[in-house]
N, C-alpha and C. Protein backbone atom coordinates (compact mmCIF):
# COMPACT_ATOMS: atom_id res chain seq x y z
N MET A 1 22.34 -3.14 -16.36
CA MET A 1 23.24 -4.27 -16.29
C MET A 1 23.44 -4.64 -14.83
N MET A 2 23.57 -5.91 -14.55
CA MET A 2 23.75 -6.34 -13.16
C MET A 2 25.02 -5.74 -12.58
N GLY A 3 24.89 -5.20 -11.38
CA GLY A 3 26.04 -4.59 -10.72
C GLY A 3 26.23 -3.12 -11.04
N ALA A 4 25.33 -2.51 -11.78
CA ALA A 4 25.47 -1.11 -12.16
C ALA A 4 25.14 -0.15 -11.03
N GLY A 5 24.39 -0.64 -10.03
CA GLY A 5 24.03 0.21 -8.90
C GLY A 5 22.61 0.71 -8.93
N LYS A 6 21.78 0.10 -9.77
CA LYS A 6 20.43 0.63 -9.93
C LYS A 6 19.59 0.55 -8.66
N THR A 7 19.76 -0.49 -7.85
CA THR A 7 18.99 -0.57 -6.61
C THR A 7 19.44 0.50 -5.62
N THR A 8 20.73 0.62 -5.42
CA THR A 8 21.25 1.60 -4.46
C THR A 8 20.94 3.02 -4.90
N VAL A 9 21.20 3.32 -6.16
CA VAL A 9 20.95 4.67 -6.67
C VAL A 9 19.45 4.94 -6.74
N GLY A 10 18.68 3.95 -7.17
CA GLY A 10 17.23 4.12 -7.25
C GLY A 10 16.61 4.40 -5.89
N ARG A 11 17.07 3.66 -4.89
CA ARG A 11 16.55 3.87 -3.53
C ARG A 11 16.90 5.29 -3.05
N GLU A 12 18.12 5.75 -3.30
CA GLU A 12 18.53 7.09 -2.90
C GLU A 12 17.72 8.15 -3.65
N LEU A 13 17.51 7.95 -4.93
CA LEU A 13 16.74 8.90 -5.72
C LEU A 13 15.30 8.97 -5.22
N ALA A 14 14.71 7.83 -4.94
CA ALA A 14 13.33 7.81 -4.42
C ALA A 14 13.24 8.54 -3.09
N ARG A 15 14.22 8.33 -2.22
CA ARG A 15 14.23 9.01 -0.93
C ARG A 15 14.27 10.52 -1.11
N ARG A 16 15.16 10.97 -1.99
CA ARG A 16 15.31 12.40 -2.22
C ARG A 16 14.05 13.03 -2.82
N LEU A 17 13.41 12.31 -3.72
CA LEU A 17 12.24 12.85 -4.42
C LEU A 17 10.93 12.53 -3.71
N ASN A 18 11.04 11.84 -2.56
CA ASN A 18 9.87 11.44 -1.78
C ASN A 18 8.90 10.61 -2.63
N LEU A 19 9.48 9.62 -3.32
CA LEU A 19 8.71 8.71 -4.16
C LEU A 19 8.87 7.29 -3.63
N ARG A 20 7.96 6.44 -4.04
CA ARG A 20 8.04 5.03 -3.67
C ARG A 20 9.11 4.36 -4.53
N PHE A 21 9.82 3.38 -3.96
CA PHE A 21 10.86 2.66 -4.69
C PHE A 21 10.48 1.19 -4.80
N ILE A 22 10.63 0.63 -5.99
CA ILE A 22 10.41 -0.80 -6.22
C ILE A 22 11.60 -1.35 -7.00
N ASP A 23 12.21 -2.39 -6.46
CA ASP A 23 13.23 -3.16 -7.17
C ASP A 23 12.51 -4.37 -7.75
N CYS A 24 12.52 -4.53 -9.06
CA CYS A 24 11.76 -5.61 -9.70
C CYS A 24 12.18 -6.99 -9.22
N ASP A 25 13.47 -7.22 -9.06
CA ASP A 25 13.91 -8.53 -8.58
C ASP A 25 13.39 -8.80 -7.17
N HIS A 26 13.47 -7.81 -6.29
CA HIS A 26 12.97 -7.98 -4.93
C HIS A 26 11.46 -8.18 -4.91
N GLU A 27 10.76 -7.50 -5.80
CA GLU A 27 9.31 -7.65 -5.88
C GLU A 27 8.95 -9.06 -6.37
N LEU A 28 9.69 -9.57 -7.33
CA LEU A 28 9.43 -10.94 -7.81
C LEU A 28 9.70 -11.96 -6.70
N ILE A 29 10.73 -11.73 -5.91
CA ILE A 29 11.02 -12.62 -4.78
C ILE A 29 9.87 -12.58 -3.78
N ALA A 30 9.38 -11.38 -3.49
CA ALA A 30 8.27 -11.24 -2.54
C ALA A 30 7.01 -11.93 -3.06
N ARG A 31 6.74 -11.81 -4.34
CA ARG A 31 5.53 -12.40 -4.92
C ARG A 31 5.60 -13.92 -5.04
N THR A 32 6.78 -14.44 -5.33
CA THR A 32 6.91 -15.89 -5.54
C THR A 32 7.32 -16.63 -4.27
N GLY A 33 7.97 -15.92 -3.36
CA GLY A 33 8.45 -16.56 -2.14
C GLY A 33 9.74 -17.33 -2.33
N VAL A 34 10.39 -17.16 -3.48
CA VAL A 34 11.66 -17.84 -3.74
C VAL A 34 12.66 -16.86 -4.36
N SER A 35 13.93 -17.21 -4.33
CA SER A 35 14.98 -16.36 -4.87
C SER A 35 14.98 -16.35 -6.40
N VAL A 36 15.65 -15.37 -6.97
CA VAL A 36 15.79 -15.30 -8.43
C VAL A 36 16.47 -16.56 -8.96
N PRO A 37 17.57 -17.04 -8.34
CA PRO A 37 18.17 -18.28 -8.84
C PRO A 37 17.19 -19.46 -8.82
N THR A 38 16.31 -19.51 -7.83
CA THR A 38 15.33 -20.59 -7.77
C THR A 38 14.31 -20.46 -8.90
N ILE A 39 13.89 -19.23 -9.20
CA ILE A 39 12.98 -19.02 -10.33
C ILE A 39 13.65 -19.50 -11.62
N PHE A 40 14.91 -19.14 -11.81
CA PHE A 40 15.66 -19.59 -12.99
C PHE A 40 15.74 -21.11 -13.02
N GLU A 41 16.00 -21.72 -11.88
CA GLU A 41 16.14 -23.17 -11.81
C GLU A 41 14.83 -23.88 -12.17
N ILE A 42 13.72 -23.38 -11.67
CA ILE A 42 12.42 -24.03 -11.87
C ILE A 42 11.82 -23.68 -13.24
N GLU A 43 11.86 -22.40 -13.59
CA GLU A 43 11.16 -21.93 -14.80
C GLU A 43 12.08 -21.58 -15.95
N GLY A 44 13.39 -21.59 -15.70
CA GLY A 44 14.34 -21.18 -16.73
C GLY A 44 14.34 -19.68 -16.91
N GLU A 45 15.26 -19.21 -17.74
CA GLU A 45 15.33 -17.77 -17.98
C GLU A 45 14.05 -17.26 -18.64
N ALA A 46 13.47 -18.06 -19.53
CA ALA A 46 12.24 -17.64 -20.22
C ALA A 46 11.11 -17.40 -19.22
N GLY A 47 10.96 -18.28 -18.24
CA GLY A 47 9.92 -18.10 -17.22
C GLY A 47 10.17 -16.86 -16.38
N PHE A 48 11.42 -16.65 -16.01
CA PHE A 48 11.77 -15.46 -15.25
C PHE A 48 11.45 -14.21 -16.06
N ARG A 49 11.82 -14.20 -17.34
CA ARG A 49 11.59 -13.03 -18.18
C ARG A 49 10.10 -12.75 -18.35
N ARG A 50 9.28 -13.79 -18.43
CA ARG A 50 7.82 -13.59 -18.51
C ARG A 50 7.31 -12.88 -17.25
N ARG A 51 7.75 -13.36 -16.10
CA ARG A 51 7.35 -12.73 -14.83
C ARG A 51 7.81 -11.27 -14.77
N GLU A 52 9.04 -11.05 -15.20
CA GLU A 52 9.63 -9.72 -15.18
C GLU A 52 8.84 -8.77 -16.09
N SER A 53 8.46 -9.24 -17.27
CA SER A 53 7.70 -8.41 -18.21
C SER A 53 6.32 -8.07 -17.66
N GLN A 54 5.67 -9.04 -17.06
CA GLN A 54 4.34 -8.80 -16.47
C GLN A 54 4.44 -7.76 -15.36
N LEU A 55 5.46 -7.87 -14.52
CA LEU A 55 5.65 -6.92 -13.44
C LEU A 55 5.93 -5.52 -13.99
N LEU A 56 6.77 -5.42 -14.99
CA LEU A 56 7.06 -4.12 -15.59
C LEU A 56 5.78 -3.46 -16.09
N ALA A 57 4.96 -4.21 -16.80
CA ALA A 57 3.70 -3.66 -17.32
C ALA A 57 2.82 -3.15 -16.18
N GLU A 58 2.78 -3.87 -15.07
CA GLU A 58 1.99 -3.43 -13.91
C GLU A 58 2.55 -2.15 -13.30
N LEU A 59 3.86 -2.09 -13.15
CA LEU A 59 4.48 -0.96 -12.46
C LEU A 59 4.47 0.32 -13.29
N LEU A 60 4.55 0.20 -14.59
CA LEU A 60 4.62 1.40 -15.43
C LEU A 60 3.33 2.21 -15.44
N VAL A 61 2.23 1.65 -14.97
CA VAL A 61 0.99 2.44 -14.91
C VAL A 61 0.90 3.24 -13.61
N GLU A 62 1.78 2.95 -12.67
CA GLU A 62 1.77 3.67 -11.39
C GLU A 62 2.44 5.03 -11.54
N GLN A 63 2.11 5.92 -10.64
CA GLN A 63 2.69 7.26 -10.62
C GLN A 63 3.59 7.41 -9.40
N ASP A 64 4.46 8.39 -9.46
CA ASP A 64 5.32 8.74 -8.32
C ASP A 64 6.08 7.54 -7.79
N ILE A 65 6.84 6.91 -8.67
CA ILE A 65 7.56 5.70 -8.32
C ILE A 65 8.91 5.68 -9.03
N VAL A 66 9.89 5.14 -8.36
CA VAL A 66 11.19 4.86 -8.95
C VAL A 66 11.30 3.34 -9.04
N ILE A 67 11.61 2.84 -10.22
CA ILE A 67 11.67 1.40 -10.46
C ILE A 67 13.09 1.02 -10.86
N ALA A 68 13.65 0.03 -10.18
CA ALA A 68 14.92 -0.57 -10.60
C ALA A 68 14.57 -1.87 -11.30
N THR A 69 14.74 -1.88 -12.61
CA THR A 69 14.39 -3.08 -13.37
C THR A 69 15.51 -4.10 -13.28
N GLY A 70 15.21 -5.31 -13.73
CA GLY A 70 16.26 -6.30 -13.90
C GLY A 70 17.10 -5.91 -15.11
N GLY A 71 18.35 -6.32 -15.10
CA GLY A 71 19.27 -5.94 -16.17
C GLY A 71 18.87 -6.43 -17.55
N GLY A 72 18.11 -7.52 -17.63
CA GLY A 72 17.73 -8.07 -18.92
C GLY A 72 16.39 -7.60 -19.44
N ILE A 73 15.80 -6.62 -18.80
CA ILE A 73 14.47 -6.16 -19.18
C ILE A 73 14.42 -5.71 -20.64
N VAL A 74 15.52 -5.19 -21.15
CA VAL A 74 15.55 -4.64 -22.52
C VAL A 74 15.67 -5.72 -23.60
N LEU A 75 15.79 -6.97 -23.20
CA LEU A 75 15.94 -8.04 -24.19
C LEU A 75 14.64 -8.34 -24.92
N ASP A 76 13.51 -7.96 -24.34
CA ASP A 76 12.20 -8.21 -24.94
C ASP A 76 11.72 -6.94 -25.64
N PRO A 77 11.54 -7.00 -26.96
CA PRO A 77 11.07 -5.80 -27.67
C PRO A 77 9.76 -5.23 -27.12
N ALA A 78 8.90 -6.09 -26.58
CA ALA A 78 7.65 -5.59 -25.99
C ALA A 78 7.94 -4.73 -24.76
N ASN A 79 8.93 -5.11 -23.97
CA ASN A 79 9.32 -4.28 -22.82
C ASN A 79 9.86 -2.94 -23.29
N ASN A 80 10.66 -2.96 -24.35
CA ASN A 80 11.22 -1.71 -24.86
C ASN A 80 10.12 -0.78 -25.35
N ALA A 81 9.10 -1.35 -25.98
CA ALA A 81 7.96 -0.54 -26.42
C ALA A 81 7.26 0.08 -25.21
N LEU A 82 7.11 -0.70 -24.14
CA LEU A 82 6.51 -0.15 -22.92
C LEU A 82 7.36 0.98 -22.35
N LEU A 83 8.67 0.78 -22.30
CA LEU A 83 9.56 1.79 -21.75
C LEU A 83 9.53 3.07 -22.59
N LEU A 84 9.51 2.90 -23.90
CA LEU A 84 9.48 4.07 -24.78
C LEU A 84 8.14 4.78 -24.76
N GLY A 85 7.06 4.04 -24.47
CA GLY A 85 5.72 4.61 -24.54
C GLY A 85 5.17 5.13 -23.24
N HIS A 86 5.84 4.89 -22.13
CA HIS A 86 5.28 5.36 -20.86
C HIS A 86 5.64 6.82 -20.62
N GLU A 87 5.02 7.41 -19.60
CA GLU A 87 5.16 8.85 -19.36
C GLU A 87 6.41 9.23 -18.58
N GLY A 88 7.10 8.27 -18.03
CA GLY A 88 8.23 8.57 -17.15
C GLY A 88 9.54 8.75 -17.89
N VAL A 89 10.58 8.78 -17.10
CA VAL A 89 11.94 8.98 -17.60
C VAL A 89 12.71 7.69 -17.37
N VAL A 90 13.38 7.23 -18.41
CA VAL A 90 14.19 6.02 -18.32
C VAL A 90 15.65 6.43 -18.18
N ILE A 91 16.29 5.90 -17.16
CA ILE A 91 17.68 6.24 -16.85
C ILE A 91 18.54 4.99 -16.99
N TYR A 92 19.63 5.11 -17.71
CA TYR A 92 20.58 4.02 -17.89
C TYR A 92 21.85 4.36 -17.12
N LEU A 93 22.18 3.54 -16.13
CA LEU A 93 23.43 3.68 -15.39
C LEU A 93 24.49 2.89 -16.14
N ASN A 94 25.23 3.57 -16.98
CA ASN A 94 26.22 2.92 -17.83
C ASN A 94 27.49 2.62 -17.03
N THR A 95 27.85 1.35 -16.99
CA THR A 95 29.01 0.91 -16.22
C THR A 95 29.78 -0.09 -17.07
N SER A 96 31.09 0.06 -17.13
CA SER A 96 31.92 -0.80 -17.98
C SER A 96 31.92 -2.24 -17.49
N PRO A 97 32.17 -3.18 -18.39
CA PRO A 97 32.25 -4.59 -17.99
C PRO A 97 33.29 -4.84 -16.90
N GLN A 98 34.39 -4.12 -16.92
CA GLN A 98 35.42 -4.31 -15.89
C GLN A 98 34.88 -3.98 -14.50
N ILE A 99 34.20 -2.87 -14.38
CA ILE A 99 33.62 -2.47 -13.09
C ILE A 99 32.51 -3.43 -12.69
N LEU A 100 31.68 -3.82 -13.66
CA LEU A 100 30.61 -4.79 -13.37
C LEU A 100 31.20 -6.09 -12.84
N TRP A 101 32.30 -6.54 -13.43
CA TRP A 101 32.97 -7.76 -12.97
C TRP A 101 33.46 -7.58 -11.53
N GLU A 102 34.08 -6.46 -11.24
CA GLU A 102 34.58 -6.21 -9.89
C GLU A 102 33.44 -6.21 -8.87
N ARG A 103 32.30 -5.69 -9.24
CA ARG A 103 31.17 -5.59 -8.32
C ARG A 103 30.41 -6.90 -8.14
N THR A 104 30.48 -7.79 -9.12
CA THR A 104 29.64 -8.99 -9.07
C THR A 104 30.41 -10.30 -8.93
N ARG A 105 31.70 -10.28 -8.99
CA ARG A 105 32.46 -11.54 -9.09
C ARG A 105 32.28 -12.49 -7.92
N ARG A 106 31.91 -12.01 -6.78
CA ARG A 106 31.72 -12.90 -5.62
C ARG A 106 30.24 -13.17 -5.31
N ASP A 107 29.37 -12.63 -6.13
CA ASP A 107 27.92 -12.76 -5.90
C ASP A 107 27.40 -14.04 -6.55
N ARG A 108 26.94 -14.96 -5.75
CA ARG A 108 26.45 -16.25 -6.25
C ARG A 108 24.95 -16.23 -6.55
N ASN A 109 24.31 -15.07 -6.39
CA ASN A 109 22.87 -14.96 -6.64
C ASN A 109 22.56 -14.39 -8.02
N ARG A 110 23.48 -14.52 -8.94
CA ARG A 110 23.29 -14.02 -10.30
C ARG A 110 23.36 -15.21 -11.25
N PRO A 111 22.19 -15.76 -11.59
CA PRO A 111 22.16 -16.99 -12.39
C PRO A 111 22.91 -16.90 -13.72
N LEU A 112 22.87 -15.76 -14.36
CA LEU A 112 23.52 -15.63 -15.67
C LEU A 112 25.05 -15.67 -15.57
N LEU A 113 25.57 -15.51 -14.35
CA LEU A 113 27.02 -15.54 -14.18
C LEU A 113 27.52 -16.88 -13.64
N GLN A 114 26.63 -17.83 -13.52
CA GLN A 114 27.03 -19.16 -13.04
C GLN A 114 27.48 -20.00 -14.24
N VAL A 115 28.54 -19.54 -14.87
CA VAL A 115 29.12 -20.18 -16.05
C VAL A 115 30.62 -20.33 -15.83
N GLU A 116 31.27 -21.04 -16.74
CA GLU A 116 32.70 -21.29 -16.59
C GLU A 116 33.53 -20.00 -16.58
N ASN A 117 33.15 -19.03 -17.42
CA ASN A 117 33.90 -17.78 -17.49
C ASN A 117 32.94 -16.60 -17.29
N PRO A 118 32.63 -16.26 -16.04
CA PRO A 118 31.67 -15.18 -15.79
C PRO A 118 32.13 -13.82 -16.29
N ARG A 119 33.43 -13.59 -16.28
CA ARG A 119 33.93 -12.30 -16.77
C ARG A 119 33.62 -12.12 -18.26
N ALA A 120 33.84 -13.18 -19.03
CA ALA A 120 33.52 -13.13 -20.46
C ALA A 120 32.01 -12.99 -20.65
N ARG A 121 31.24 -13.60 -19.79
CA ARG A 121 29.78 -13.50 -19.87
C ARG A 121 29.32 -12.06 -19.64
N ILE A 122 29.94 -11.37 -18.69
CA ILE A 122 29.62 -9.97 -18.44
C ILE A 122 29.91 -9.13 -19.69
N GLU A 123 31.06 -9.37 -20.31
CA GLU A 123 31.40 -8.66 -21.55
C GLU A 123 30.34 -8.90 -22.62
N GLU A 124 29.96 -10.15 -22.78
CA GLU A 124 28.95 -10.53 -23.78
C GLU A 124 27.62 -9.84 -23.49
N LEU A 125 27.17 -9.89 -22.23
CA LEU A 125 25.91 -9.26 -21.86
C LEU A 125 25.96 -7.75 -22.07
N TYR A 126 27.08 -7.14 -21.71
CA TYR A 126 27.22 -5.70 -21.88
C TYR A 126 27.09 -5.32 -23.35
N HIS A 127 27.81 -6.00 -24.22
CA HIS A 127 27.79 -5.65 -25.64
C HIS A 127 26.42 -5.94 -26.27
N GLN A 128 25.71 -6.92 -25.74
CA GLN A 128 24.37 -7.22 -26.22
C GLN A 128 23.37 -6.16 -25.75
N ARG A 129 23.47 -5.76 -24.50
CA ARG A 129 22.45 -4.91 -23.89
C ARG A 129 22.70 -3.41 -24.01
N ASP A 130 23.94 -2.97 -24.05
CA ASP A 130 24.25 -1.54 -24.07
C ASP A 130 23.49 -0.78 -25.15
N PRO A 131 23.47 -1.25 -26.41
CA PRO A 131 22.71 -0.49 -27.41
C PRO A 131 21.21 -0.48 -27.15
N LEU A 132 20.71 -1.54 -26.52
CA LEU A 132 19.28 -1.60 -26.19
C LEU A 132 18.95 -0.61 -25.09
N TYR A 133 19.81 -0.53 -24.07
CA TYR A 133 19.60 0.45 -22.99
C TYR A 133 19.61 1.86 -23.56
N ARG A 134 20.58 2.14 -24.41
CA ARG A 134 20.69 3.48 -24.98
C ARG A 134 19.48 3.84 -25.83
N ALA A 135 18.90 2.84 -26.49
CA ALA A 135 17.74 3.09 -27.35
C ALA A 135 16.50 3.48 -26.55
N VAL A 136 16.39 3.03 -25.31
CA VAL A 136 15.19 3.36 -24.52
C VAL A 136 15.43 4.46 -23.48
N ALA A 137 16.68 4.81 -23.24
CA ALA A 137 17.01 5.76 -22.17
C ALA A 137 16.79 7.21 -22.58
N ASN A 138 16.19 7.97 -21.66
CA ASN A 138 16.12 9.42 -21.80
C ASN A 138 17.37 10.07 -21.25
N ILE A 139 17.98 9.40 -20.26
CA ILE A 139 19.17 9.92 -19.59
C ILE A 139 20.16 8.78 -19.45
N VAL A 140 21.44 9.04 -19.79
CA VAL A 140 22.50 8.07 -19.57
C VAL A 140 23.44 8.69 -18.55
N VAL A 141 23.68 7.94 -17.46
CA VAL A 141 24.52 8.42 -16.37
C VAL A 141 25.72 7.49 -16.24
N ASP A 142 26.88 8.07 -16.03
CA ASP A 142 28.09 7.28 -15.79
C ASP A 142 27.93 6.58 -14.44
N GLY A 143 27.85 5.25 -14.46
CA GLY A 143 27.66 4.48 -13.25
C GLY A 143 28.95 4.04 -12.59
N GLU A 144 30.08 4.55 -13.06
CA GLU A 144 31.37 4.13 -12.52
C GLU A 144 31.95 5.11 -11.53
N ARG A 145 31.76 6.38 -11.80
CA ARG A 145 32.42 7.41 -11.00
C ARG A 145 31.58 7.82 -9.81
N GLY A 146 32.20 7.90 -8.68
CA GLY A 146 31.56 8.46 -7.51
C GLY A 146 30.62 7.52 -6.78
N SER A 147 30.08 8.05 -5.73
CA SER A 147 29.17 7.30 -4.86
C SER A 147 27.76 7.33 -5.42
N CYS A 148 26.88 6.58 -4.76
CA CYS A 148 25.47 6.62 -5.18
C CYS A 148 24.92 8.03 -4.96
N ILE A 149 25.45 8.76 -3.99
CA ILE A 149 25.02 10.14 -3.74
C ILE A 149 25.36 11.02 -4.93
N SER A 150 26.59 10.89 -5.45
CA SER A 150 26.96 11.74 -6.59
C SER A 150 26.20 11.32 -7.84
N MET A 151 25.92 10.03 -8.01
CA MET A 151 25.11 9.60 -9.16
C MET A 151 23.69 10.16 -9.04
N ALA A 152 23.12 10.10 -7.83
CA ALA A 152 21.78 10.65 -7.62
C ALA A 152 21.78 12.16 -7.89
N ASN A 153 22.86 12.85 -7.52
CA ASN A 153 22.96 14.28 -7.81
C ASN A 153 22.91 14.53 -9.32
N ARG A 154 23.67 13.74 -10.08
CA ARG A 154 23.70 13.91 -11.53
C ARG A 154 22.32 13.61 -12.14
N ILE A 155 21.66 12.59 -11.61
CA ILE A 155 20.33 12.25 -12.11
C ILE A 155 19.34 13.35 -11.80
N GLU A 156 19.40 13.88 -10.59
CA GLU A 156 18.48 14.97 -10.22
C GLU A 156 18.65 16.17 -11.14
N ARG A 157 19.90 16.50 -11.45
CA ARG A 157 20.13 17.63 -12.37
C ARG A 157 19.51 17.34 -13.74
N ALA A 158 19.71 16.11 -14.22
CA ALA A 158 19.14 15.74 -15.53
C ALA A 158 17.61 15.72 -15.47
N LEU A 159 17.06 15.26 -14.37
CA LEU A 159 15.60 15.20 -14.23
C LEU A 159 14.97 16.58 -14.19
N SER A 160 15.72 17.57 -13.74
CA SER A 160 15.16 18.92 -13.66
C SER A 160 14.75 19.41 -15.05
N GLU A 161 15.28 18.79 -16.10
CA GLU A 161 14.92 19.15 -17.47
C GLU A 161 13.62 18.47 -17.89
N HIS A 162 13.15 17.51 -17.11
CA HIS A 162 11.93 16.78 -17.44
C HIS A 162 10.82 17.19 -16.48
N ALA A 163 9.64 17.37 -17.00
CA ALA A 163 8.51 17.80 -16.16
C ALA A 163 7.94 16.67 -15.33
N ASN A 164 8.02 15.44 -15.81
CA ASN A 164 7.38 14.31 -15.14
C ASN A 164 8.30 13.76 -14.06
N ARG A 165 7.74 13.45 -12.89
CA ARG A 165 8.53 12.92 -11.78
C ARG A 165 8.48 11.40 -11.69
N LYS A 166 7.76 10.75 -12.54
CA LYS A 166 7.75 9.29 -12.53
C LYS A 166 9.03 8.83 -13.20
N THR A 167 9.82 8.03 -12.52
CA THR A 167 11.15 7.72 -12.99
C THR A 167 11.38 6.22 -13.02
N LEU A 168 12.08 5.78 -14.02
CA LEU A 168 12.44 4.37 -14.12
C LEU A 168 13.95 4.28 -14.23
N CYS A 169 14.57 3.51 -13.36
CA CYS A 169 16.01 3.30 -13.45
C CYS A 169 16.27 1.97 -14.12
N THR A 170 17.13 1.96 -15.09
CA THR A 170 17.59 0.73 -15.70
C THR A 170 19.09 0.68 -15.57
N PRO A 171 19.62 -0.49 -15.69
CA PRO A 171 21.06 -0.61 -15.49
C PRO A 171 21.92 0.12 -16.45
């Protein structure tokens, strides 16, 4: 979910594990040369989601990588099949709508929140996506408590139970 901390925590986790880090939104910006809001403006959400799905498929074949996906990646059943079928570990940083609102309310680079009532939109997105995240996640981490360091600590402990070091972070 947007504002859950997946980029910050993912970057810290990659540093600790000496793995490469990719943020899908940042990668799409680098590939297209425009911001996520501009992609939404030109291609709509459907166009953005197509690009996001293609990128996910490319990244999941790589090894020794931490990936921070976009918050809506789980909306496409094909993406969920990819997440469930790949060799890595899927991590869901579960964060309540209230905390998500506090973290994102001043951010104008979130196209899905450019509505009359962004707080209600966050609630709606959370209730839509939470069961989908849980369905694909190997690990669910509380994304509200503590710093990115403490979240990375909790993830590392959970990862020690998994043999594979290829990791995917989802919101």
